[in-house]
């Protein structure tokens, strides 16, 4: 069985699945969080470039998955954010057609011995109310701080791209920003996976377009079966 599905499949199956379901509450350590690297062949992420006119280009990440996989990825993100003892979780993408080979989910947990001055806080709880997403740009115009939007950084295994070849071969995503930004992305993935969701594509653009990601983040497009760029052959082996 796919390891992401094995780890979160049973929990995903009992999550709120419709817009009239009761809310689901996440608190510290209330979700399982893998202590080691796990993998999935049910998520494909391809690299692209988003171009605005003839004067601006930005990395673009194209996600392809079924609803249940998006929800399982959401649980992985939330489990990491609300874990008190996990600094990051690594998810290997094993599908041969995925340009991205690893997603690193960072919790931003702090070591008390390394703190400098100032005020520090950590996530307390997230209460998820299911909401069907009808908009192409679901995170645009949220009236929140730029840093409270998701962050998807395209990099390499060493997080050190120097040469042109290094930049060309980037295959790692570091995500998903601040706890607020990452939770907002996880919430979107849960909503995409609702049974009532009919839209098959969702865009997260930079500030040059319909601002939906944090400063410096790559843009993202998320596809479901039936979307214009969905490829049915991607997951034939998965059943």
Protein backbone atom coordinates (compact mmCIF):
# COMPACT_ATOMS: atom_id res chain seq x y z
CA UNK A 1 0.00 0.00 0.00
CA UNK A 2 1.09 3.58 -0.65
CA UNK A 3 2.86 4.76 2.54
CA UNK A 4 1.11 8.14 2.73
CA UNK A 5 -2.22 6.36 2.32
CA UNK A 6 -1.23 3.72 4.86
CA UNK A 7 -0.28 6.35 7.44
CA UNK A 8 -3.26 8.70 7.00
CA UNK A 9 -5.85 6.76 4.99
CA UNK A 10 -8.03 5.65 7.90
CA UNK A 11 -8.02 9.10 9.48
CA UNK A 12 -8.74 10.78 6.14
CA UNK A 13 -11.76 8.51 5.69
CA UNK A 14 -13.44 9.83 8.85
CA UNK A 15 -12.75 13.52 8.26
CA UNK A 16 -15.69 15.84 7.49
CA UNK A 17 -16.55 15.06 3.88
CA UNK A 18 -19.41 17.48 3.19
CA UNK A 19 -20.04 21.17 3.88
CA UNK A 20 -22.67 20.37 6.53
CA UNK A 21 -20.39 18.06 8.53
CA UNK A 22 -19.38 18.78 12.11
CA UNK A 23 -16.05 20.60 12.53
CA UNK A 24 -12.77 18.80 13.09
CA UNK A 25 -10.35 20.19 15.69
CA UNK A 26 -6.58 19.79 15.62
CA UNK A 27 -4.52 20.51 18.74
CA UNK A 28 -0.96 19.81 19.81
CA UNK A 29 -0.03 16.19 19.15
CA UNK A 30 -3.64 15.26 18.29
CA UNK A 31 -2.60 14.00 14.86
CA UNK A 32 0.01 11.35 14.10
CA UNK A 33 3.23 12.66 12.62
CA UNK A 34 5.72 10.36 10.87
CA UNK A 35 9.05 10.20 12.65
CA UNK A 36 10.79 9.13 9.47
CA UNK A 37 10.67 9.70 5.75
CA UNK A 38 7.54 8.35 4.01
CA UNK A 39 6.60 8.15 0.35
CA UNK A 40 3.73 8.26 -2.11
CA UNK A 41 3.26 7.47 -5.77
CA UNK A 42 -0.19 9.08 -5.81
CA UNK A 43 0.98 12.68 -6.09
CA UNK A 44 2.68 14.15 -9.16
CA UNK A 45 4.20 17.63 -9.09
CA UNK A 46 5.61 19.04 -12.29
CA UNK A 47 7.72 22.16 -12.75
CA UNK A 48 6.76 25.06 -14.94
CA UNK A 49 7.19 28.79 -15.36
CA UNK A 50 4.50 31.42 -15.03
CA UNK A 51 5.12 34.39 -17.29
CA UNK A 52 3.59 37.84 -16.97
CA UNK A 53 3.97 39.79 -20.19
CA UNK A 54 7.55 39.92 -21.43
CA UNK A 55 9.02 41.23 -18.20
CA UNK A 56 8.43 38.78 -15.32
CA UNK A 57 8.76 35.03 -14.79
CA UNK A 58 8.30 32.94 -11.65
CA UNK A 59 8.50 29.25 -10.75
CA UNK A 60 5.25 27.36 -11.08
CA UNK A 61 4.42 24.02 -9.44
CA UNK A 62 1.70 21.87 -11.02
CA UNK A 63 0.05 19.40 -8.62
CA UNK A 64 -1.91 16.37 -9.84
CA UNK A 65 -3.74 14.11 -7.36
CA UNK A 66 -7.10 12.66 -6.43
CA UNK A 67 -9.16 14.16 -3.63
CA UNK A 68 -8.16 11.63 -0.99
CA UNK A 69 -4.45 12.21 -1.64
CA UNK A 70 -4.80 15.97 -1.22
CA UNK A 71 -6.54 15.36 2.10
CA UNK A 72 -3.84 12.93 3.23
CA UNK A 73 -1.18 15.51 2.35
CA UNK A 74 -3.15 18.03 4.40
CA UNK A 75 -3.06 15.73 7.42
CA UNK A 76 0.70 15.32 7.01
CA UNK A 77 1.12 19.11 7.02
CA UNK A 78 -1.16 19.60 10.04
CA UNK A 79 0.46 16.72 11.92
CA UNK A 80 3.85 18.38 11.46
CA UNK A 81 2.65 21.88 12.38
CA UNK A 82 1.00 20.70 15.61
CA UNK A 83 3.71 18.25 16.66
CA UNK A 84 5.72 19.36 19.66
CA UNK A 85 8.78 17.25 18.85
CA UNK A 86 9.10 17.09 15.05
CA UNK A 87 11.07 19.73 13.20
CA UNK A 88 10.29 18.53 9.69
CA UNK A 89 8.81 15.64 7.74
CA UNK A 90 10.07 14.47 4.35
CA UNK A 91 7.69 13.04 1.76
CA UNK A 92 9.25 11.25 -1.21
CA UNK A 93 7.31 11.46 -4.47
CA UNK A 94 8.04 8.18 -6.23
CA UNK A 95 5.97 8.59 -9.39
CA UNK A 96 8.31 8.51 -12.38
CA UNK A 97 6.55 11.43 -14.06
CA UNK A 98 6.91 13.75 -11.06
CA UNK A 99 9.58 16.43 -11.52
CA UNK A 100 9.51 17.04 -7.78
CA UNK A 101 11.06 14.12 -5.91
CA UNK A 102 10.67 15.33 -2.32
CA UNK A 103 8.46 17.64 -0.28
CA UNK A 104 9.91 18.83 3.02
CA UNK A 105 7.23 19.96 5.45
CA UNK A 106 8.77 22.22 8.08
CA UNK A 107 7.06 22.75 11.44
CA UNK A 108 9.09 25.78 12.56
CA UNK A 109 9.35 24.30 16.04
CA UNK A 110 11.81 26.32 18.12
CA UNK A 111 14.56 25.13 20.45
CA UNK A 112 14.33 27.15 23.65
CA UNK A 113 18.12 27.17 23.93
CA UNK A 114 18.50 28.97 20.60
CA UNK A 115 15.99 31.79 21.16
CA UNK A 116 17.22 35.36 20.97
CA UNK A 117 15.05 38.20 22.29
CA UNK A 118 11.40 38.97 21.81
CA UNK A 119 8.01 37.29 21.93
CA UNK A 120 7.49 33.74 20.63
CA UNK A 121 4.30 31.77 20.09
CA UNK A 122 3.35 28.33 18.84
CA UNK A 123 0.19 26.89 17.25
CA UNK A 124 -2.58 26.13 19.74
CA UNK A 125 -5.47 24.74 17.70
CA UNK A 126 -7.08 24.65 14.28
CA UNK A 127 -10.84 24.19 13.99
CA UNK A 128 -11.72 23.00 10.51
CA UNK A 129 -15.14 23.93 9.13
CA UNK A 130 -15.64 22.31 5.70
CA UNK A 131 -16.22 24.82 2.92
CA UNK A 132 -16.72 23.95 -0.73
CA UNK A 133 -14.29 25.86 -2.93
CA UNK A 134 -15.91 27.43 -5.98
CA UNK A 135 -13.29 30.02 -6.91
CA UNK A 136 -10.36 29.52 -9.26
CA UNK A 137 -8.24 31.66 -6.91
CA UNK A 138 -9.46 30.45 -3.49
CA UNK A 139 -6.84 32.29 -1.38
CA UNK A 140 -6.98 35.64 -3.15
CA UNK A 141 -8.25 38.71 -1.26
CA UNK A 142 -8.19 37.06 2.16
CA UNK A 143 -7.16 40.32 3.88
CA UNK A 144 -4.31 38.68 5.81
CA UNK A 145 -0.61 39.43 6.13
CA UNK A 146 1.49 38.35 3.15
CA UNK A 147 3.37 35.99 5.47
CA UNK A 148 0.13 34.29 6.48
CA UNK A 149 -0.18 32.89 2.97
CA UNK A 150 1.36 29.56 1.90
CA UNK A 151 5.02 29.42 0.92
CA UNK A 152 6.33 26.85 -1.57
CA UNK A 153 10.08 27.12 -2.14
CA UNK A 154 11.56 25.24 -5.11
CA UNK A 155 15.11 24.20 -4.26
CA UNK A 156 17.52 21.26 -4.32
CA UNK A 157 18.50 18.57 -1.83
CA UNK A 158 21.25 20.75 -0.32
CA UNK A 159 19.17 23.94 -0.44
CA UNK A 160 22.12 25.52 -2.24
CA UNK A 161 21.62 26.36 -5.92
CA UNK A 162 24.67 28.07 -7.40
CA UNK A 163 25.19 27.06 -11.01
CA UNK A 164 22.71 27.23 -13.85
CA UNK A 165 22.61 23.43 -13.79
CA UNK A 166 21.71 23.49 -10.08
CA UNK A 167 18.75 25.76 -10.81
CA UNK A 168 17.63 23.62 -13.72
CA UNK A 169 17.69 20.40 -11.67
CA UNK A 170 15.80 21.61 -8.60
CA UNK A 171 13.47 18.84 -7.43
CA UNK A 172 12.62 19.63 -3.78
CA UNK A 173 9.80 21.71 -2.33
CA UNK A 174 10.23 23.25 1.11
CA UNK A 175 6.90 24.23 2.58
CA UNK A 176 4.66 25.63 3.62
CA UNK A 177 5.65 28.82 5.36
CA UNK A 178 4.56 30.19 8.72
CA UNK A 179 2.15 28.09 10.82
CA UNK A 180 -0.70 30.32 9.61
CA UNK A 181 0.32 30.05 5.97
CA UNK A 182 0.88 26.31 6.14
CA UNK A 183 -2.44 25.75 7.92
CA UNK A 184 -4.20 27.84 5.30
CA UNK A 185 -2.73 25.60 2.57
CA UNK A 186 -3.70 22.46 4.50
CA UNK A 187 -7.25 23.78 4.90
CA UNK A 188 -7.47 24.37 1.16
CA UNK A 189 -6.38 20.79 0.49
CA UNK A 190 -9.08 19.49 2.84
CA UNK A 191 -11.71 21.58 1.07
CA UNK A 192 -10.54 20.48 -2.37
CA UNK A 193 -11.16 16.94 -1.19
CA UNK A 194 -14.79 17.46 -0.18
CA UNK A 195 -17.23 15.24 -2.05
CA UNK A 196 -19.21 18.33 -3.11
CA UNK A 197 -16.24 20.03 -4.77
CA UNK A 198 -16.92 20.25 -8.49
CA UNK A 199 -14.17 22.63 -9.58
CA UNK A 200 -11.20 20.70 -10.98
CA UNK A 201 -8.44 23.33 -10.86
CA UNK A 202 -7.22 25.89 -8.36
CA UNK A 203 -4.56 28.60 -8.78
CA UNK A 204 -2.24 30.14 -6.20
CA UNK A 205 -0.48 33.09 -7.82
CA UNK A 206 2.22 35.56 -6.77
CA UNK A 207 1.69 39.23 -6.02
CA UNK A 208 2.03 40.01 -9.73
CA UNK A 209 -1.16 38.06 -10.39
CA UNK A 210 -3.97 37.21 -7.95
CA UNK A 211 -1.83 37.21 -4.81
CA UNK A 212 -2.30 33.91 -2.98
CA UNK A 213 1.20 32.92 -1.81
CA UNK A 214 3.83 34.44 0.46
CA UNK A 215 6.65 36.65 -0.86
CA UNK A 216 9.32 34.61 -2.63
CA UNK A 217 7.07 31.58 -3.05
CA UNK A 218 6.60 29.70 -6.28
CA UNK A 219 3.12 29.78 -7.74
CA UNK A 220 1.01 26.63 -7.68
CA UNK A 221 -1.78 25.06 -9.66
CA UNK A 222 -3.70 22.12 -8.23
CA UNK A 223 -5.53 19.75 -10.54
CA UNK A 224 -8.22 17.15 -9.95
CA UNK A 225 -9.46 14.48 -12.39
CA UNK A 226 -11.37 16.05 -15.24
CA UNK A 227 -9.39 19.28 -15.31
CA UNK A 228 -8.15 20.65 -18.62
CA UNK A 229 -4.58 19.48 -18.03
CA UNK A 230 -5.35 16.28 -16.13
CA UNK A 231 -3.70 13.17 -17.56
CA UNK A 232 -5.69 10.01 -16.87
CA UNK A 233 -2.65 7.85 -17.58
CA UNK A 234 -0.78 9.23 -14.56
CA UNK A 235 -2.48 7.02 -12.02
CA UNK A 236 -3.64 4.00 -14.03
CA UNK A 237 -1.46 1.73 -11.92
CA UNK A 238 -2.94 3.07 -8.67
CA UNK A 239 -6.45 1.85 -9.44
